[in-house]
Amino acid sequence: MQANHGRFAELNVQVLGISVDSIFAHQAFAEQLGGLDFPLLADFHPKAAVIHAYGLWNESWGVSQRAIVIVDEEGIVRYSEVIRRGPPDVEPILAALAEMQ
């Protein structure tokens, strides 16, 4: 997502990262990557409240699934994709965003 931040900015989209990790873990993660151009939100307490709300909690493993979720200005989910491995393919994400414009 970081590598394509400019493409998202051109579409006037705010990229956010959300995980159940603490803000301290987020800071270390961002530093490890050399910084990020988008905020990371800690869904730490109550644990995974946002992730549960989007149906991304894997109960059997006790972890959240990696996913891309696009929410419009009205709060309606317009795109959702669980990411199995590696970085997400941004082209379908950008196509979904273009359709919303």
Protein backbone atom coordinates (compact mmCIF):
# COMPACT_ATOMS: atom_id res chain seq x y z
CA MET A 1 0.00 0.00 0.00
CA GLN A 2 2.88 2.32 0.79
CA ALA A 3 4.37 1.97 -2.70
CA ASN A 4 1.05 3.04 -4.26
CA HIS A 5 0.13 5.75 -1.77
CA GLY A 6 0.34 8.44 -4.46
CA ARG A 7 -2.18 6.62 -6.65
CA PHE A 8 -4.64 6.48 -3.76
CA ALA A 9 -4.04 10.17 -2.97
CA GLU A 10 -4.90 11.05 -6.59
CA LEU A 11 -8.33 9.48 -6.01
CA ASN A 12 -8.74 11.48 -2.77
CA VAL A 13 -8.74 8.28 -0.70
CA GLN A 14 -7.49 7.92 2.86
CA VAL A 15 -5.59 4.68 3.40
CA LEU A 16 -5.59 3.32 6.97
CA GLY A 17 -3.99 0.25 8.44
CA ILE A 18 -5.88 -1.43 11.28
CA SER A 19 -4.67 -4.31 13.43
CA VAL A 20 -5.05 -5.70 16.92
CA ASP A 21 -1.44 -4.77 17.68
CA SER A 22 -0.61 -2.00 20.14
CA ILE A 23 0.48 1.49 19.09
CA PHE A 24 3.99 0.53 20.17
CA ALA A 25 4.00 -2.44 17.78
CA HIS A 26 2.69 -0.15 15.03
CA GLN A 27 5.49 2.33 15.66
CA ALA A 28 8.10 -0.42 15.44
CA PHE A 29 6.50 -1.81 12.26
CA ALA A 30 6.43 1.62 10.58
CA GLU A 31 10.04 2.29 11.58
CA GLN A 32 11.10 -1.09 10.19
CA LEU A 33 9.61 -0.06 6.84
CA GLY A 34 11.30 3.34 6.89
CA GLY A 35 8.06 5.17 7.71
CA LEU A 36 4.56 5.13 6.27
CA ASP A 37 2.51 7.81 4.52
CA PHE A 38 -0.71 6.58 6.12
CA PRO A 39 -1.81 6.04 9.72
CA LEU A 40 -1.97 2.70 11.51
CA LEU A 41 -4.90 2.30 13.89
CA ALA A 42 -4.63 0.05 16.95
CA ASP A 43 -7.77 -2.06 17.40
CA PHE A 44 -6.25 -3.16 20.69
CA HIS A 45 -8.88 -2.59 23.39
CA PRO A 46 -11.50 -3.82 23.41
CA LYS A 47 -9.53 -6.34 21.40
CA ALA A 48 -10.47 -6.43 17.72
CA ALA A 49 -13.78 -4.54 18.04
CA VAL A 50 -13.42 -3.02 14.55
CA ILE A 51 -12.08 -6.23 13.06
CA HIS A 52 -15.06 -8.14 14.51
CA ALA A 53 -17.43 -5.51 13.09
CA TYR A 54 -16.06 -6.14 9.58
CA GLY A 55 -16.25 -9.92 10.01
CA LEU A 56 -12.50 -10.38 9.75
CA TRP A 57 -11.81 -12.20 13.02
CA ASN A 58 -10.75 -15.84 12.60
CA GLU A 59 -12.16 -17.43 15.75
CA SER A 60 -10.48 -20.81 15.28
CA TRP A 61 -7.00 -19.25 15.04
CA GLY A 62 -7.64 -16.33 17.39
CA VAL A 63 -6.29 -13.79 14.89
CA SER A 64 -7.59 -11.25 12.42
CA GLN A 65 -7.51 -11.93 8.70
CA ARG A 66 -5.54 -9.59 6.46
CA ALA A 67 -7.98 -7.76 4.25
CA ILE A 68 -8.65 -4.69 2.16
CA VAL A 69 -11.94 -2.96 2.96
CA ILE A 70 -13.16 0.13 1.12
CA VAL A 71 -15.74 2.17 3.00
CA ASP A 72 -17.44 5.11 1.29
CA GLU A 73 -18.26 8.49 2.83
CA GLU A 74 -21.63 7.12 4.00
CA GLY A 75 -19.93 4.30 5.92
CA ILE A 76 -21.03 1.62 3.43
CA VAL A 77 -18.55 -1.14 2.57
CA ARG A 78 -18.04 -0.99 -1.20
CA TYR A 79 -15.19 -3.49 -1.55
CA SER A 80 -13.76 -6.21 0.64
CA GLU A 81 -11.06 -8.77 -0.10
CA VAL A 82 -9.22 -11.10 2.25
CA ILE A 83 -5.50 -11.15 1.42
CA ARG A 84 -4.12 -14.68 1.71
CA ARG A 85 -0.39 -14.16 1.07
CA GLY A 86 2.02 -11.42 0.15
CA PRO A 87 1.13 -7.84 -0.66
CA PRO A 88 -2.31 -7.10 -2.08
CA ASP A 89 -2.78 -6.55 -5.81
CA VAL A 90 -3.69 -2.85 -5.93
CA GLU A 91 -5.22 -2.91 -9.43
CA PRO A 92 -8.62 -4.37 -8.37
CA ILE A 93 -8.64 -1.98 -5.43
CA LEU A 94 -7.98 1.02 -7.66
CA ALA A 95 -10.63 -0.20 -10.13
CA ALA A 96 -13.21 -0.42 -7.33
CA LEU A 97 -12.27 3.08 -6.19
CA ALA A 98 -12.54 4.45 -9.74
CA GLU A 99 -16.08 3.02 -9.99
CA MET A 100 -17.02 4.95 -6.86
CA GLN A 101 -15.80 8.29 -8.23
